[in-house]
Amino acid sequence: MIGLAGLLLAGCFHKGKPENLGKTGANDGEGVSIEDRVSELSKKFGINVPDDVEKAALNAVDGSAGSGLATRDAKGLITVIANLPEVSGKDKYSAQLVSSDNKVSLGTLVVSKAGWMIEKTVNADPASYKTIEVLLGDKVILRGNF
């Protein structure tokens, strides 16, 4: 658990913000495999994503620029990394797990040099939460499935 957090955090402190992440291109969209998204984000964020975690590519649901990756390990550590525009005022990005009948808030994403990020360990049964969402206020802007 700490190893994944360390790897992901180490990548978040490289110099400069990744360019073109989340921009529309030939490799973006629903047709992109999770392996392609992991590879893209690994290069752009400078991180290594372990093979033994579940992964979810986060895609924009409202047509806006933005993308990301969520991982969860067997111990319930959820990590969300996203490239999203800066927000002003009281607006905040947050993340949540979604099942067919319940939602679990992961909290507010924090800005890092590589984008936006949150890590949280949850006690909820991972099998029942297949969807992860990133919200701006109450509006879902990114969504992915484990």
Protein backbone atom coordinates (compact mmCIF):
# COMPACT_ATOMS: atom_id res chain seq x y z
CA MET A 1 0.00 0.00 0.00
CA ILE A 2 2.71 2.46 0.97
CA GLY A 3 4.78 1.33 -2.03
CA LEU A 4 2.02 2.26 -4.49
CA ALA A 5 1.48 5.58 -2.77
CA GLY A 6 5.22 6.28 -2.89
CA LEU A 7 5.47 5.40 -6.56
CA LEU A 8 2.50 7.53 -7.48
CA LEU A 9 3.56 10.46 -5.30
CA ALA A 10 7.13 10.31 -6.60
CA GLY A 11 5.78 10.73 -10.12
CA CYS A 12 3.68 13.69 -9.06
CA PHE A 13 6.68 15.81 -8.22
CA HIS A 14 8.48 15.79 -11.55
CA LYS A 15 9.14 19.14 -13.18
CA GLY A 16 6.38 20.64 -15.27
CA LYS A 17 2.82 19.67 -16.02
CA PRO A 18 2.25 16.96 -18.62
CA GLU A 19 1.35 18.37 -22.00
CA ASN A 20 -1.66 17.29 -24.05
CA LEU A 21 -2.97 14.87 -21.42
CA GLY A 22 -6.72 14.85 -21.68
CA LYS A 23 -6.74 16.55 -25.08
CA THR A 24 -8.75 14.91 -27.81
CA GLY A 25 -6.61 12.83 -30.10
CA ALA A 26 -6.47 9.64 -32.09
CA ASN A 27 -5.88 7.52 -28.98
CA ASP A 28 -8.50 9.07 -26.68
CA GLY A 29 -12.01 7.91 -25.93
CA GLU A 30 -13.85 4.79 -25.05
CA GLY A 31 -11.95 2.67 -27.58
CA VAL A 32 -8.65 3.11 -25.71
CA SER A 33 -7.57 0.01 -23.83
CA ILE A 34 -6.69 0.32 -20.17
CA GLU A 35 -3.13 -0.76 -21.02
CA ASP A 36 -2.82 2.16 -23.46
CA ARG A 37 -4.14 4.61 -20.85
CA VAL A 38 -1.78 3.25 -18.17
CA SER A 39 1.13 3.54 -20.59
CA GLU A 40 0.14 7.10 -21.59
CA LEU A 41 -0.27 8.29 -18.00
CA SER A 42 2.86 6.49 -16.83
CA LYS A 43 4.90 8.38 -19.40
CA LYS A 44 3.24 11.76 -18.88
CA PHE A 45 3.12 11.64 -15.07
CA GLY A 46 6.42 9.81 -14.69
CA ILE A 47 4.90 7.01 -12.59
CA ASN A 48 4.97 3.23 -12.55
CA VAL A 49 1.62 1.54 -12.02
CA PRO A 50 2.00 -1.91 -10.43
CA ASP A 51 0.54 -4.87 -12.31
CA ASP A 52 -1.23 -6.25 -9.23
CA VAL A 53 -3.79 -3.43 -8.87
CA GLU A 54 -7.17 -2.99 -10.53
CA LYS A 55 -7.16 -0.10 -13.01
CA ALA A 56 -9.87 2.16 -14.41
CA ALA A 57 -9.34 4.64 -17.22
CA LEU A 58 -11.20 7.86 -16.43
CA ASN A 59 -12.80 9.48 -19.47
CA ALA A 60 -14.64 12.78 -19.79
CA VAL A 61 -18.42 12.36 -19.69
CA ASP A 62 -19.34 15.87 -20.72
CA GLY A 63 -17.09 16.30 -23.74
CA SER A 64 -14.62 18.49 -21.89
CA ALA A 65 -10.87 17.99 -21.80
CA GLY A 66 -9.73 15.76 -19.03
CA SER A 67 -8.69 12.21 -18.35
CA GLY A 68 -7.21 10.17 -15.62
CA LEU A 69 -6.51 6.83 -14.05
CA ALA A 70 -7.83 5.20 -10.90
CA THR A 71 -6.28 2.20 -9.19
CA ARG A 72 -7.27 0.08 -6.24
CA ASP A 73 -5.34 -2.61 -4.48
CA ALA A 74 -6.46 -5.66 -2.52
CA LYS A 75 -6.30 -3.69 0.75
CA GLY A 76 -8.76 -1.04 -0.46
CA LEU A 77 -6.31 1.77 -1.30
CA ILE A 78 -7.89 3.87 -4.05
CA THR A 79 -5.65 6.27 -5.99
CA VAL A 80 -7.00 8.76 -8.52
CA ILE A 81 -4.72 10.79 -10.77
CA ALA A 82 -6.32 13.21 -13.23
CA ASN A 83 -5.32 15.94 -15.61
CA LEU A 84 -7.97 18.60 -15.25
CA PRO A 85 -8.06 22.39 -15.63
CA GLU A 86 -7.45 24.66 -12.67
CA VAL A 87 -10.58 25.68 -10.77
CA SER A 88 -11.36 29.02 -9.22
CA GLY A 89 -13.35 30.19 -6.27
CA LYS A 90 -15.09 27.59 -4.17
CA ASP A 91 -15.15 24.94 -6.93
CA LYS A 92 -13.44 21.68 -6.00
CA TYR A 93 -12.82 18.34 -7.64
CA SER A 94 -13.85 15.28 -5.67
CA ALA A 95 -14.03 11.54 -6.28
CA GLN A 96 -16.52 8.85 -5.39
CA LEU A 97 -17.05 5.11 -5.79
CA VAL A 98 -20.45 4.12 -7.17
CA SER A 99 -22.43 0.90 -6.95
CA SER A 100 -25.92 0.25 -8.23
CA ASP A 101 -27.44 1.50 -4.98
CA ASN A 102 -24.74 3.36 -3.04
CA LYS A 103 -21.96 5.97 -3.30
CA VAL A 104 -18.83 6.30 -1.18
CA SER A 105 -17.10 9.68 -1.16
CA LEU A 106 -13.32 9.55 -1.41
CA GLY A 107 -12.91 13.25 -0.70
CA THR A 108 -11.39 16.27 -2.44
CA LEU A 109 -8.61 15.96 -5.00
CA VAL A 110 -5.53 18.06 -4.33
CA VAL A 111 -3.40 19.75 -6.93
CA SER A 112 0.12 18.50 -7.48
CA LYS A 113 2.73 19.42 -10.04
CA ALA A 114 1.48 16.58 -12.24
CA GLY A 115 -2.25 17.29 -12.04
CA TRP A 116 -4.90 16.37 -9.48
CA MET A 117 -4.71 13.47 -7.04
CA ILE A 118 -6.33 11.71 -4.13
CA GLU A 119 -5.51 8.54 -2.21
CA LYS A 120 -7.82 6.95 0.29
CA THR A 121 -8.26 3.53 1.84
CA VAL A 122 -11.88 2.41 2.00
CA ASN A 123 -13.41 -0.48 3.88
CA ALA A 124 -16.24 -0.97 1.37
CA ASP A 125 -16.46 -4.26 -0.50
CA PRO A 126 -14.52 -3.59 -3.71
CA ALA A 127 -16.59 -6.04 -5.75
CA SER A 128 -19.73 -4.00 -5.21
CA TYR A 129 -18.19 -0.71 -6.44
CA LYS A 130 -17.33 -1.07 -10.11
CA THR A 131 -17.54 2.64 -11.08
CA ILE A 132 -15.42 5.59 -10.02
CA GLU A 133 -16.32 9.19 -10.76
CA VAL A 134 -14.58 12.55 -10.51
CA LEU A 135 -16.89 15.49 -9.90
CA LEU A 136 -16.62 19.25 -10.13
CA GLY A 137 -19.05 20.37 -7.47
CA ASP A 138 -22.08 18.12 -8.03
CA LYS A 139 -21.41 17.50 -11.74
CA VAL A 140 -19.72 14.24 -12.85
CA ILE A 141 -16.93 15.11 -15.29
CA LEU A 142 -14.85 11.88 -15.44
CA ARG A 143 -16.02 8.29 -15.11
CA GLY A 144 -14.38 4.89 -15.32
CA ASN A 145 -15.06 1.26 -14.47
CA PHE A 146 -12.83 -1.22 -12.67
